[in-house]
């Protein structure tokens, strides 16, 4: 449901802000705070502060796109998983095992932007150049990835990639990931 569609139907659309909670909401801290073209900055800021005050982890969705952030990411992964099974590459059990026994273990402490910065944007681009054109439908690396590399922003190694990194922040991220993986066991 688009927040802009709701805001368009009310007199004070500047007060309309969407909140997308994740299930089960008493265990999952994320709430996506979605602004429409009519949402006032103050309404967004107050909503984010309210959510923080009750212990949630709000993120600001600056453009009202279908699925917001989380569902777009989740369903892109699911779509590719379904395609791999349909193409006979593997079965459903294999998909779930690959996710749970590999990168899924890191996701709680290392998001995709941090991971790209950690391994380096040049390696990330090389993998994207190789893999993305073979997806169904074919895709290309993100424009921003090439732009960052062209500027010399290669990730943690240079102190800047998708994010800015001090040497201490980079080391803390590596430490946090290794501790998390070691604690996960088996």
N, C-alpha and C. Protein backbone atom coordinates (compact mmCIF):
# COMPACT_ATOMS: atom_id res chain seq x y z
N UNK A 1 0.85 -1.17 0.00
CA UNK A 1 0.00 0.00 0.00
C UNK A 1 0.90 1.24 0.00
N UNK A 2 0.69 2.12 -0.95
CA UNK A 2 1.52 3.31 -1.05
C UNK A 2 1.01 4.39 -0.10
N UNK A 3 1.93 4.98 0.63
CA UNK A 3 1.58 6.02 1.59
C UNK A 3 1.07 7.26 0.86
N UNK A 4 1.63 7.53 -0.30
CA UNK A 4 1.18 8.67 -1.09
C UNK A 4 -0.29 8.57 -1.48
N UNK A 5 -0.77 7.35 -1.72
CA UNK A 5 -2.18 7.15 -2.06
C UNK A 5 -3.08 7.51 -0.87
N UNK A 6 -2.61 7.19 0.33
CA UNK A 6 -3.36 7.53 1.53
C UNK A 6 -3.33 9.04 1.74
N UNK A 7 -2.14 9.62 1.66
CA UNK A 7 -1.98 11.07 1.89
C UNK A 7 -2.78 11.89 0.89
N UNK A 8 -2.94 11.39 -0.33
CA UNK A 8 -3.67 12.13 -1.36
C UNK A 8 -5.15 12.26 -1.04
N UNK A 9 -5.66 11.42 -0.16
CA UNK A 9 -7.10 11.40 0.12
C UNK A 9 -7.48 12.14 1.39
N UNK A 10 -6.52 12.75 2.05
CA UNK A 10 -6.83 13.43 3.31
C UNK A 10 -6.50 14.92 3.20
N UNK A 11 -7.15 15.70 4.03
CA UNK A 11 -6.95 17.15 3.99
C UNK A 11 -5.54 17.55 4.41
N UNK A 12 -5.00 16.90 5.42
CA UNK A 12 -3.68 17.27 5.94
C UNK A 12 -2.66 16.17 5.63
N UNK A 13 -2.39 15.99 4.35
CA UNK A 13 -1.45 14.97 3.91
C UNK A 13 -0.05 15.15 4.45
N UNK A 14 0.28 16.38 4.86
CA UNK A 14 1.62 16.63 5.43
C UNK A 14 1.79 15.90 6.76
N UNK A 15 0.69 15.48 7.38
CA UNK A 15 0.76 14.76 8.67
C UNK A 15 0.78 13.25 8.49
N UNK A 16 0.65 12.79 7.25
CA UNK A 16 0.59 11.34 6.99
C UNK A 16 2.00 10.80 6.79
N UNK A 17 2.33 9.81 7.62
CA UNK A 17 3.60 9.09 7.55
C UNK A 17 3.27 7.62 7.73
N UNK A 18 3.85 6.77 6.91
CA UNK A 18 3.60 5.34 7.05
C UNK A 18 4.61 4.69 7.97
N UNK A 19 4.18 3.67 8.70
CA UNK A 19 5.10 2.86 9.49
C UNK A 19 4.87 1.40 9.12
N UNK A 20 5.93 0.76 8.68
CA UNK A 20 5.86 -0.65 8.29
C UNK A 20 6.61 -1.47 9.32
N UNK A 21 5.85 -2.20 10.13
CA UNK A 21 6.40 -3.03 11.20
C UNK A 21 6.67 -4.42 10.65
N UNK A 22 7.60 -5.13 11.27
CA UNK A 22 7.96 -6.49 10.84
C UNK A 22 7.49 -7.49 11.88
N UNK A 23 7.03 -8.64 11.41
CA UNK A 23 6.49 -9.66 12.30
C UNK A 23 7.55 -10.64 12.79
N UNK A 24 7.43 -11.07 14.03
CA UNK A 24 6.54 -10.55 15.05
C UNK A 24 7.09 -9.23 15.62
N UNK A 25 6.27 -8.20 15.69
CA UNK A 25 6.76 -6.87 16.06
C UNK A 25 7.31 -6.77 17.48
N UNK A 26 6.92 -7.67 18.36
CA UNK A 26 7.47 -7.63 19.72
C UNK A 26 8.88 -8.21 19.78
N UNK A 27 9.34 -8.86 18.70
CA UNK A 27 10.70 -9.41 18.65
C UNK A 27 11.58 -8.75 17.59
N UNK A 28 10.98 -8.26 16.52
CA UNK A 28 11.75 -7.65 15.43
C UNK A 28 11.75 -6.14 15.63
N UNK A 29 12.93 -5.55 15.83
CA UNK A 29 12.98 -4.13 16.18
C UNK A 29 12.72 -3.16 15.02
N UNK A 30 12.91 -3.58 13.78
CA UNK A 30 12.83 -2.65 12.66
C UNK A 30 11.41 -2.14 12.41
N UNK A 31 11.31 -0.83 12.15
CA UNK A 31 10.08 -0.21 11.64
C UNK A 31 10.52 0.74 10.53
N UNK A 32 9.99 0.54 9.34
CA UNK A 32 10.28 1.44 8.23
C UNK A 32 9.32 2.63 8.31
N UNK A 33 9.87 3.84 8.34
CA UNK A 33 9.08 5.06 8.41
C UNK A 33 9.07 5.64 7.00
N UNK A 34 7.89 5.63 6.40
CA UNK A 34 7.76 5.96 4.98
C UNK A 34 7.11 7.32 4.81
N UNK A 35 7.82 8.20 4.12
CA UNK A 35 7.25 9.50 3.81
C UNK A 35 6.67 9.48 2.40
N UNK A 36 5.65 10.29 2.22
CA UNK A 36 5.09 10.49 0.88
C UNK A 36 5.59 11.84 0.36
N UNK A 37 5.18 12.19 -0.82
CA UNK A 37 5.54 13.50 -1.37
C UNK A 37 4.96 14.64 -0.53
N UNK A 38 3.91 14.35 0.22
CA UNK A 38 3.25 15.38 1.02
C UNK A 38 3.71 15.40 2.48
N UNK A 39 4.40 14.37 2.95
CA UNK A 39 4.78 14.28 4.37
C UNK A 39 5.71 15.43 4.76
N UNK A 40 5.41 16.06 5.87
CA UNK A 40 6.26 17.12 6.41
C UNK A 40 7.47 16.49 7.10
N UNK A 41 8.62 17.15 6.98
CA UNK A 41 9.85 16.64 7.61
C UNK A 41 9.66 16.47 9.11
N UNK A 42 8.94 17.39 9.74
CA UNK A 42 8.70 17.31 11.17
C UNK A 42 7.89 16.09 11.56
N UNK A 43 6.92 15.72 10.74
CA UNK A 43 6.11 14.53 11.03
C UNK A 43 6.97 13.27 10.95
N UNK A 44 7.86 13.24 9.97
CA UNK A 44 8.77 12.10 9.85
C UNK A 44 9.69 12.03 11.06
N UNK A 45 10.29 13.16 11.42
CA UNK A 45 11.23 13.20 12.55
C UNK A 45 10.54 12.81 13.85
N UNK A 46 9.32 13.29 14.09
CA UNK A 46 8.59 12.94 15.31
C UNK A 46 8.27 11.46 15.37
N UNK A 47 7.91 10.89 14.23
CA UNK A 47 7.60 9.46 14.17
C UNK A 47 8.85 8.64 14.48
N UNK A 48 9.97 9.02 13.89
CA UNK A 48 11.22 8.30 14.15
C UNK A 48 11.59 8.40 15.62
N UNK A 49 11.48 9.58 16.20
CA UNK A 49 11.81 9.75 17.61
C UNK A 49 10.88 8.95 18.51
N UNK A 50 9.59 8.94 18.21
CA UNK A 50 8.63 8.16 18.99
C UNK A 50 9.01 6.68 18.96
N UNK A 51 9.32 6.17 17.78
CA UNK A 51 9.68 4.76 17.67
C UNK A 51 10.96 4.45 18.44
N UNK A 52 11.95 5.32 18.35
CA UNK A 52 13.18 5.12 19.13
C UNK A 52 12.88 5.10 20.62
N UNK A 53 11.99 5.98 21.07
CA UNK A 53 11.69 6.09 22.50
C UNK A 53 11.02 4.83 23.06
N UNK A 54 10.43 4.02 22.19
CA UNK A 54 9.81 2.77 22.65
C UNK A 54 10.68 1.55 22.30
N UNK A 55 11.95 1.82 21.95
CA UNK A 55 12.89 0.73 21.74
C UNK A 55 12.92 0.12 20.36
N UNK A 56 12.30 0.75 19.39
CA UNK A 56 12.33 0.22 18.02
C UNK A 56 13.54 0.78 17.28
N UNK A 57 13.83 0.21 16.13
CA UNK A 57 14.92 0.64 15.26
C UNK A 57 14.31 1.18 13.97
N UNK A 58 14.02 2.48 13.93
CA UNK A 58 13.38 3.03 12.73
C UNK A 58 14.40 3.35 11.64
N UNK A 59 13.98 3.20 10.39
CA UNK A 59 14.74 3.68 9.24
C UNK A 59 13.83 4.58 8.42
N UNK A 60 14.41 5.57 7.81
CA UNK A 60 13.66 6.57 7.05
C UNK A 60 13.62 6.15 5.58
N UNK A 61 12.44 5.84 5.09
CA UNK A 61 12.23 5.52 3.68
C UNK A 61 11.86 6.83 3.00
N UNK A 62 12.80 7.39 2.27
CA UNK A 62 12.67 8.74 1.72
C UNK A 62 11.81 8.83 0.46
N UNK A 63 11.62 7.69 -0.20
CA UNK A 63 10.75 7.65 -1.39
C UNK A 63 9.76 6.52 -1.21
N UNK A 64 8.53 6.80 -1.49
CA UNK A 64 7.42 5.85 -1.33
C UNK A 64 7.40 4.89 -2.51
N UNK A 65 8.17 3.81 -2.40
CA UNK A 65 8.23 2.80 -3.46
C UNK A 65 7.51 1.54 -2.98
N UNK A 66 6.89 0.79 -3.88
CA UNK A 66 6.21 -0.45 -3.48
C UNK A 66 7.17 -1.39 -2.74
N UNK A 67 6.71 -1.88 -1.59
CA UNK A 67 7.50 -2.82 -0.81
C UNK A 67 8.49 -2.16 0.14
N UNK A 68 8.63 -0.83 0.01
CA UNK A 68 9.55 -0.06 0.86
C UNK A 68 10.97 -0.62 0.70
N UNK A 69 11.74 -0.79 1.75
CA UNK A 69 13.12 -1.27 1.63
C UNK A 69 13.18 -2.78 1.87
N UNK A 70 12.73 -3.19 3.04
CA UNK A 70 12.88 -4.59 3.44
C UNK A 70 12.22 -5.59 2.52
N UNK A 71 10.96 -5.32 2.15
CA UNK A 71 10.28 -6.27 1.27
C UNK A 71 10.90 -6.31 -0.12
N UNK A 72 11.40 -5.19 -0.60
CA UNK A 72 12.06 -5.21 -1.91
C UNK A 72 13.31 -6.10 -1.86
N UNK A 73 14.09 -5.95 -0.80
CA UNK A 73 15.29 -6.78 -0.66
C UNK A 73 14.93 -8.25 -0.47
N UNK A 74 14.00 -8.50 0.43
CA UNK A 74 13.60 -9.88 0.73
C UNK A 74 13.05 -10.58 -0.50
N UNK A 75 12.18 -9.90 -1.23
CA UNK A 75 11.55 -10.56 -2.37
C UNK A 75 12.45 -10.65 -3.59
N UNK A 76 13.45 -9.79 -3.69
CA UNK A 76 14.46 -9.97 -4.74
C UNK A 76 15.23 -11.26 -4.49
N UNK A 77 15.58 -11.52 -3.23
CA UNK A 77 16.25 -12.77 -2.87
C UNK A 77 15.33 -13.95 -3.15
N UNK A 78 14.09 -13.87 -2.71
CA UNK A 78 13.16 -14.97 -2.93
C UNK A 78 12.97 -15.25 -4.41
N UNK A 79 12.84 -14.19 -5.21
CA UNK A 79 12.63 -14.39 -6.64
C UNK A 79 13.78 -15.17 -7.25
N UNK A 80 15.00 -14.80 -6.90
CA UNK A 80 16.15 -15.51 -7.45
C UNK A 80 16.19 -16.94 -6.93
N UNK A 81 15.82 -17.15 -5.67
CA UNK A 81 15.76 -18.51 -5.12
C UNK A 81 14.77 -19.36 -5.92
N UNK A 82 13.58 -18.82 -6.18
CA UNK A 82 12.58 -19.56 -6.94
C UNK A 82 13.08 -19.87 -8.35
N UNK A 83 13.76 -18.89 -8.97
CA UNK A 83 14.30 -19.09 -10.32
C UNK A 83 15.33 -20.22 -10.34
N UNK A 84 16.19 -20.28 -9.33
CA UNK A 84 17.22 -21.34 -9.29
C UNK A 84 16.56 -22.72 -9.18
N UNK A 85 15.51 -22.83 -8.37
CA UNK A 85 14.81 -24.11 -8.25
C UNK A 85 14.11 -24.44 -9.56
N UNK A 86 13.39 -23.45 -10.14
CA UNK A 86 12.68 -23.68 -11.40
C UNK A 86 13.63 -24.09 -12.52
N UNK A 87 14.86 -23.57 -12.51
CA UNK A 87 15.84 -23.88 -13.57
C UNK A 87 16.56 -25.21 -13.32
N UNK A 88 16.26 -25.88 -12.20
CA UNK A 88 16.88 -27.16 -11.92
C UNK A 88 18.30 -27.07 -11.39
N UNK A 89 18.72 -25.89 -10.95
CA UNK A 89 20.06 -25.71 -10.41
C UNK A 89 20.19 -26.42 -9.06
N UNK A 90 19.11 -26.40 -8.29
CA UNK A 90 19.11 -27.00 -6.95
C UNK A 90 17.67 -27.19 -6.52
N UNK A 91 17.49 -27.75 -5.32
CA UNK A 91 16.12 -27.88 -4.81
C UNK A 91 15.91 -26.89 -3.66
N UNK A 92 14.69 -26.84 -3.16
CA UNK A 92 14.34 -25.87 -2.12
C UNK A 92 15.18 -26.06 -0.86
N UNK A 93 15.45 -27.30 -0.48
CA UNK A 93 16.29 -27.55 0.69
C UNK A 93 17.68 -26.97 0.50
N UNK A 94 18.23 -27.10 -0.71
CA UNK A 94 19.56 -26.54 -0.99
C UNK A 94 19.57 -25.03 -0.82
N UNK A 95 18.53 -24.36 -1.33
CA UNK A 95 18.43 -22.90 -1.20
C UNK A 95 18.48 -22.51 0.27
N UNK A 96 17.61 -23.13 1.07
CA UNK A 96 17.54 -22.78 2.49
C UNK A 96 18.86 -23.08 3.20
N UNK A 97 19.50 -24.19 2.85
CA UNK A 97 20.79 -24.53 3.47
C UNK A 97 21.85 -23.51 3.10
N UNK A 98 21.91 -23.11 1.84
CA UNK A 98 22.91 -22.12 1.41
C UNK A 98 22.74 -20.82 2.18
N UNK A 99 21.51 -20.35 2.31
CA UNK A 99 21.27 -19.10 3.02
C UNK A 99 21.65 -19.24 4.50
N UNK A 100 21.13 -20.27 5.14
CA UNK A 100 21.32 -20.41 6.59
C UNK A 100 22.75 -20.76 6.97
N UNK A 101 23.48 -21.48 6.11
CA UNK A 101 24.83 -21.93 6.47
C UNK A 101 25.92 -21.05 5.87
N UNK A 102 25.56 -19.95 5.22
CA UNK A 102 26.59 -19.08 4.64
C UNK A 102 26.30 -17.62 4.99
N UNK A 103 25.95 -16.82 4.01
CA UNK A 103 25.82 -15.39 4.24
C UNK A 103 24.68 -15.03 5.18
N UNK A 104 23.68 -15.89 5.33
CA UNK A 104 22.60 -15.63 6.27
C UNK A 104 23.10 -15.50 7.70
N UNK A 105 24.15 -16.22 8.03
CA UNK A 105 24.72 -16.13 9.38
C UNK A 105 25.32 -14.75 9.65
N UNK A 106 25.82 -14.11 8.60
CA UNK A 106 26.44 -12.80 8.77
C UNK A 106 25.43 -11.67 8.80
N UNK A 107 24.26 -11.87 8.23
CA UNK A 107 23.33 -10.77 8.02
C UNK A 107 22.90 -10.06 9.30
N UNK A 108 22.88 -10.75 10.43
CA UNK A 108 22.48 -10.10 11.68
C UNK A 108 23.47 -9.03 12.13
N UNK A 109 24.72 -9.15 11.68
CA UNK A 109 25.74 -8.20 12.13
C UNK A 109 26.47 -7.49 10.98
N UNK A 110 26.23 -7.91 9.74
CA UNK A 110 26.95 -7.33 8.60
C UNK A 110 25.98 -7.21 7.43
N UNK A 111 25.49 -6.00 7.21
CA UNK A 111 24.57 -5.77 6.11
C UNK A 111 25.30 -5.78 4.77
N UNK A 112 24.56 -5.75 3.67
CA UNK A 112 25.18 -5.84 2.35
C UNK A 112 26.11 -4.67 2.02
N UNK A 113 25.79 -3.48 2.51
CA UNK A 113 26.64 -2.32 2.22
C UNK A 113 27.97 -2.45 2.98
N UNK A 114 27.88 -2.86 4.26
CA UNK A 114 29.09 -3.10 5.05
C UNK A 114 29.91 -4.23 4.43
N UNK A 115 29.25 -5.29 4.00
CA UNK A 115 29.95 -6.43 3.42
C UNK A 115 30.70 -6.02 2.15
N UNK A 116 30.05 -5.24 1.29
CA UNK A 116 30.72 -4.79 0.07
C UNK A 116 31.95 -3.95 0.42
N UNK A 117 31.80 -3.04 1.40
CA UNK A 117 32.94 -2.24 1.82
C UNK A 117 34.04 -3.10 2.43
N UNK A 118 33.66 -4.15 3.16
CA UNK A 118 34.64 -5.03 3.79
C UNK A 118 35.46 -5.79 2.75
N UNK A 119 34.79 -6.40 1.79
CA UNK A 119 35.53 -7.19 0.79
C UNK A 119 36.18 -6.30 -0.27
N UNK A 120 35.68 -5.09 -0.39
CA UNK A 120 36.22 -4.14 -1.36
C UNK A 120 35.30 -3.98 -2.55
N UNK A 121 35.14 -2.73 -2.98
CA UNK A 121 34.20 -2.47 -4.07
C UNK A 121 34.71 -2.99 -5.41
N UNK A 122 36.02 -3.06 -5.59
CA UNK A 122 36.52 -3.60 -6.86
C UNK A 122 36.17 -5.08 -7.01
N UNK A 123 36.31 -5.85 -5.94
CA UNK A 123 35.93 -7.27 -5.99
C UNK A 123 34.42 -7.39 -6.16
N UNK A 124 33.67 -6.57 -5.45
CA UNK A 124 32.21 -6.59 -5.59
C UNK A 124 31.81 -6.32 -7.04
N UNK A 125 32.42 -5.32 -7.66
CA UNK A 125 32.11 -5.02 -9.06
C UNK A 125 32.49 -6.18 -9.98
N UNK A 126 33.64 -6.78 -9.76
CA UNK A 126 34.05 -7.91 -10.60
C UNK A 126 33.03 -9.05 -10.52
N UNK A 127 32.54 -9.33 -9.31
CA UNK A 127 31.54 -10.37 -9.14
C UNK A 127 30.24 -9.97 -9.83
N UNK A 128 29.82 -8.71 -9.65
CA UNK A 128 28.58 -8.25 -10.28
C UNK A 128 28.69 -8.28 -11.80
N UNK A 129 29.84 -7.87 -12.35
CA UNK A 129 30.03 -7.93 -13.80
C UNK A 129 29.91 -9.36 -14.33
N UNK A 130 30.33 -10.32 -13.53
CA UNK A 130 30.31 -11.73 -13.93
C UNK A 130 28.93 -12.37 -13.72
N UNK A 131 28.31 -12.10 -12.57
CA UNK A 131 27.09 -12.82 -12.20
C UNK A 131 25.81 -12.13 -12.66
N UNK A 132 25.69 -10.82 -12.47
CA UNK A 132 24.41 -10.15 -12.72
C UNK A 132 23.88 -10.31 -14.14
N UNK A 133 24.73 -10.28 -15.18
CA UNK A 133 24.17 -10.49 -16.53
C UNK A 133 23.59 -11.88 -16.75
N UNK A 134 23.92 -12.84 -15.87
CA UNK A 134 23.41 -14.20 -16.03
C UNK A 134 22.12 -14.45 -15.26
N UNK A 135 21.67 -13.46 -14.47
CA UNK A 135 20.42 -13.61 -13.74
C UNK A 135 19.24 -13.58 -14.68
N UNK A 136 18.10 -14.02 -14.22
CA UNK A 136 16.88 -13.98 -15.01
C UNK A 136 15.87 -13.10 -14.27
N UNK A 137 15.60 -11.88 -14.70
CA UNK A 137 16.15 -11.21 -15.87
C UNK A 137 17.57 -10.69 -15.61
N UNK A 138 18.33 -10.54 -16.70
CA UNK A 138 19.70 -10.04 -16.56
C UNK A 138 19.72 -8.65 -15.93
N UNK A 139 20.80 -8.36 -15.24
CA UNK A 139 20.95 -7.08 -14.58
C UNK A 139 22.39 -6.60 -14.76
N UNK A 140 22.64 -5.39 -14.33
CA UNK A 140 23.97 -4.80 -14.40
C UNK A 140 24.35 -4.26 -13.03
N UNK A 141 25.64 -4.09 -12.78
CA UNK A 141 26.05 -3.49 -11.50
C UNK A 141 25.44 -2.10 -11.32
N UNK A 142 25.22 -1.73 -10.07
CA UNK A 142 24.65 -0.42 -9.76
C UNK A 142 25.58 0.69 -10.21
N UNK A 143 25.01 1.74 -10.73
CA UNK A 143 25.78 2.90 -11.20
C UNK A 143 26.68 3.45 -10.10
N UNK A 144 26.14 3.53 -8.87
CA UNK A 144 26.90 4.07 -7.76
C UNK A 144 28.14 3.26 -7.41
N UNK A 145 28.13 1.96 -7.70
CA UNK A 145 29.29 1.12 -7.44
C UNK A 145 30.45 1.56 -8.33
N UNK A 146 30.20 1.68 -9.61
CA UNK A 146 31.26 2.13 -10.53
C UNK A 146 31.72 3.56 -10.20
N UNK A 147 30.79 4.43 -9.86
CA UNK A 147 31.14 5.82 -9.53
C UNK A 147 32.07 5.88 -8.33
N UNK A 148 31.80 5.08 -7.32
CA UNK A 148 32.66 5.08 -6.13
C UNK A 148 34.07 4.58 -6.47
N UNK A 149 34.13 3.52 -7.26
CA UNK A 149 35.44 2.99 -7.65
C UNK A 149 36.21 4.03 -8.46
N UNK A 150 35.54 4.69 -9.40
CA UNK A 150 36.20 5.71 -10.21
C UNK A 150 36.76 6.85 -9.36
N UNK A 151 36.11 7.14 -8.22
CA UNK A 151 36.59 8.20 -7.32
C UNK A 151 37.68 7.70 -6.38
N UNK A 152 37.95 6.39 -6.39
CA UNK A 152 38.94 5.83 -5.48
C UNK A 152 38.38 5.43 -4.14
N UNK A 153 37.05 5.44 -4.01
CA UNK A 153 36.39 5.01 -2.77
C UNK A 153 36.12 3.52 -2.88
N UNK A 154 37.06 2.72 -2.35
CA UNK A 154 37.04 1.28 -2.57
C UNK A 154 36.52 0.47 -1.40
N UNK A 155 36.10 1.13 -0.33
CA UNK A 155 35.60 0.41 0.83
C UNK A 155 36.44 0.68 2.06
N UNK A 156 36.45 -0.28 2.97
CA UNK A 156 37.18 -0.11 4.23
C UNK A 156 38.65 0.17 4.01
N UNK A 157 39.25 -0.43 3.00
CA UNK A 157 40.69 -0.27 2.76
C UNK A 157 41.08 1.18 2.50
N UNK A 158 40.16 1.96 1.90
CA UNK A 158 40.47 3.36 1.61
C UNK A 158 39.75 4.32 2.55
N UNK A 159 38.96 3.78 3.47
CA UNK A 159 38.24 4.61 4.43
C UNK A 159 36.90 5.12 3.94
N UNK A 160 36.56 4.76 2.72
CA UNK A 160 35.28 5.21 2.19
C UNK A 160 34.86 4.28 1.06
N UNK A 161 33.60 3.91 1.08
CA UNK A 161 32.98 3.10 0.03
C UNK A 161 31.53 3.54 -0.02
N UNK A 162 30.63 2.63 0.35
CA UNK A 162 29.23 3.02 0.51
C UNK A 162 29.08 3.83 1.78
N UNK A 163 29.98 3.59 2.74
CA UNK A 163 29.99 4.31 4.01
C UNK A 163 31.38 4.87 4.24
N UNK A 164 31.51 5.72 5.24
CA UNK A 164 32.83 6.22 5.66
C UNK A 164 33.32 5.35 6.80
N UNK A 165 34.64 5.07 6.80
CA UNK A 165 35.22 4.16 7.79
C UNK A 165 36.50 4.73 8.37
N UNK A 166 36.57 4.78 9.70
CA UNK A 166 37.86 5.01 10.35
C UNK A 166 38.49 3.62 10.49
N UNK A 167 39.79 3.54 10.67
CA UNK A 167 40.40 2.22 10.89
C UNK A 167 39.78 1.49 12.09
N UNK A 168 39.42 2.25 13.12
CA UNK A 168 38.81 1.65 14.31
C UNK A 168 37.42 1.08 14.00
N UNK A 169 36.65 1.81 13.22
CA UNK A 169 35.32 1.32 12.85
C UNK A 169 35.41 0.05 12.00
N UNK A 170 36.35 0.04 11.07
CA UNK A 170 36.54 -1.14 10.22
C UNK A 170 36.92 -2.35 11.08
N UNK A 171 37.86 -2.15 11.99
CA UNK A 171 38.29 -3.25 12.86
C UNK A 171 37.15 -3.72 13.75
N UNK A 172 36.36 -2.80 14.29
CA UNK A 172 35.22 -3.16 15.13
C UNK A 172 34.20 -3.97 14.35
N UNK A 173 33.96 -3.61 13.10
CA UNK A 173 33.01 -4.35 12.27
C UNK A 173 33.52 -5.77 12.02
N UNK A 174 34.80 -5.90 11.70
CA UNK A 174 35.38 -7.24 11.49
C UNK A 174 35.28 -8.07 12.78
N UNK A 175 35.62 -7.46 13.92
CA UNK A 175 35.59 -8.16 15.20
C UNK A 175 34.17 -8.62 15.53
N UNK A 176 33.19 -7.72 15.35
CA UNK A 176 31.80 -8.04 15.64
C UNK A 176 31.31 -9.21 14.79
N UNK A 177 31.67 -9.22 13.52
CA UNK A 177 31.26 -10.29 12.64
C UNK A 177 31.89 -11.62 13.06
N UNK A 178 33.20 -11.61 13.33
CA UNK A 178 33.88 -12.85 13.72
C UNK A 178 33.33 -13.40 15.03
N UNK A 179 33.09 -12.53 15.99
CA UNK A 179 32.51 -12.99 17.27
C UNK A 179 31.12 -13.58 17.07
N UNK A 180 30.34 -12.94 16.24
CA UNK A 180 28.98 -13.44 15.97
C UNK A 180 29.05 -14.82 15.31
N UNK A 181 29.91 -14.97 14.31
CA UNK A 181 30.01 -16.26 13.61
C UNK A 181 30.54 -17.35 14.54
N UNK A 182 31.51 -17.01 15.37
CA UNK A 182 32.05 -17.99 16.32
C UNK A 182 30.97 -18.42 17.32
N UNK A 183 30.14 -17.48 17.76
CA UNK A 183 29.09 -17.80 18.71
C UNK A 183 27.99 -18.64 18.08
N UNK A 184 27.79 -18.48 16.76
CA UNK A 184 26.74 -19.24 16.06
C UNK A 184 27.07 -20.72 16.02
N UNK A 185 28.36 -21.06 16.04
CA UNK A 185 28.78 -22.47 16.10
C UNK A 185 28.49 -23.26 14.85
N UNK A 186 28.47 -24.54 15.04
CA UNK A 186 28.39 -25.58 14.00
C UNK A 186 28.66 -25.02 12.66
